[in-house]
Amino acid sequence: MPYISRKDRKQYQEVLNSLAEIIPKDRMLRPGHMNYIVSLLIEKVYGSEMRYADHNEVMGFLTCIAQEFYRRKTSPYEDIKITEEGDLTDL
């Protein structure tokens, strides 16, 4: 996950907690809201006149977020489900 100092994390915690409380719990609505929030945050941080290096930077950290989420959260979940439900080779 994001490896920034604990001191730096504290400045975001309150606003992130507040934001998380208002994101819809409905699985049909939640992805659009999450996409909107992340996209708008990128727009606000980088501005509307992004250059190639900025696009490259954003694509890099979005890719890393996806890969790290898969490695830390999704893969262990899949391992649990394989144990509970059986693997594809068990068919």
Protein backbone atom coordinates (compact mmCIF):
# COMPACT_ATOMS: atom_id res chain seq x y z
CA MET A 1 0.00 0.00 0.00
CA PRO A 2 1.16 3.61 0.02
CA TYR A 3 4.46 3.92 1.75
CA ILE A 4 4.51 7.43 3.15
CA SER A 5 5.52 8.31 6.68
CA ARG A 6 3.00 7.90 9.47
CA LYS A 7 3.36 11.62 10.13
CA ASP A 8 2.30 12.44 6.55
CA ARG A 9 -0.64 10.02 6.67
CA LYS A 10 -2.28 11.85 9.57
CA GLN A 11 -3.02 14.97 7.51
CA TYR A 12 -5.31 12.98 5.20
CA GLN A 13 -7.11 10.74 7.67
CA GLU A 14 -9.93 13.03 8.78
CA VAL A 15 -10.96 14.12 5.29
CA LEU A 16 -10.69 10.54 3.98
CA ASN A 17 -12.88 9.25 6.80
CA SER A 18 -15.49 11.92 6.03
CA LEU A 19 -15.37 11.16 2.32
CA ALA A 20 -15.67 7.40 2.88
CA GLU A 21 -18.83 7.95 4.94
CA ILE A 22 -20.68 9.64 2.07
CA ILE A 23 -19.72 7.25 -0.74
CA PRO A 24 -22.75 5.08 -1.58
CA LYS A 25 -22.78 1.55 -0.17
CA ASP A 26 -24.85 0.40 -3.18
CA ARG A 27 -22.60 -1.70 -5.45
CA MET A 28 -24.33 -0.30 -8.53
CA LEU A 29 -23.54 3.32 -7.57
CA ARG A 30 -20.22 3.01 -5.74
CA PRO A 31 -17.88 2.46 -8.75
CA GLY A 32 -19.05 5.63 -10.49
CA HIS A 33 -18.59 7.66 -7.34
CA MET A 34 -15.12 6.22 -6.74
CA ASN A 35 -14.10 6.90 -10.34
CA TYR A 36 -15.44 10.46 -10.11
CA ILE A 37 -13.57 11.16 -6.87
CA VAL A 38 -10.23 9.80 -8.09
CA SER A 39 -10.56 11.49 -11.51
CA LEU A 40 -11.48 14.84 -9.98
CA LEU A 41 -8.63 14.61 -7.46
CA ILE A 42 -6.16 13.98 -10.29
CA GLU A 43 -7.60 16.94 -12.23
CA LYS A 44 -7.33 19.22 -9.20
CA VAL A 45 -3.78 18.14 -8.34
CA TYR A 46 -2.37 18.20 -11.88
CA GLY A 47 -4.53 20.89 -13.46
CA SER A 48 -6.08 20.96 -16.89
CA GLU A 49 -2.83 21.56 -18.79
CA MET A 50 -1.09 18.29 -18.06
CA ARG A 51 2.01 17.49 -20.07
CA TYR A 52 3.18 14.06 -21.16
CA ALA A 53 5.30 13.58 -18.05
CA ASP A 54 2.25 14.27 -15.88
CA HIS A 55 0.14 11.76 -17.82
CA ASN A 56 2.96 9.24 -17.53
CA GLU A 57 3.20 9.84 -13.77
CA VAL A 58 -0.56 9.43 -13.25
CA MET A 59 -0.71 6.26 -15.35
CA GLY A 60 2.23 4.92 -13.38
CA PHE A 61 0.73 5.41 -9.94
CA LEU A 62 -2.73 4.22 -11.04
CA THR A 63 -1.13 1.05 -12.40
CA CYS A 64 0.84 0.58 -9.19
CA ILE A 65 -2.30 1.11 -7.10
CA ALA A 66 -4.09 -1.63 -9.06
CA GLN A 67 -1.17 -4.03 -8.82
CA GLU A 68 -0.57 -3.39 -5.13
CA PHE A 69 -4.28 -3.77 -4.35
CA TYR A 70 -4.32 -7.08 -6.19
CA ARG A 71 -1.16 -8.30 -4.43
CA ARG A 72 -2.17 -7.23 -0.92
CA LYS A 73 -5.96 -7.65 -0.94
CA THR A 74 -7.33 -9.63 -3.90
CA SER A 75 -4.78 -12.43 -4.12
CA PRO A 76 -5.10 -13.41 -0.44
CA TYR A 77 -8.91 -13.32 -0.81
CA GLU A 78 -8.68 -15.61 -3.84
CA ASP A 79 -6.45 -18.02 -1.90
CA ILE A 80 -9.08 -18.24 0.86
CA LYS A 81 -11.82 -18.90 -1.69
CA ILE A 82 -9.74 -21.60 -3.40
CA THR A 83 -9.37 -23.33 -0.03
CA GLU A 84 -13.09 -22.97 0.75
CA GLU A 85 -14.55 -23.73 -2.68
CA GLY A 86 -11.85 -25.72 -4.45
CA ASP A 87 -9.57 -24.85 -7.32
CA LEU A 88 -10.39 -24.97 -11.02
CA THR A 89 -8.37 -28.15 -11.27
CA ASP A 90 -10.90 -29.77 -8.89
CA LEU A 91 -13.63 -29.73 -11.56
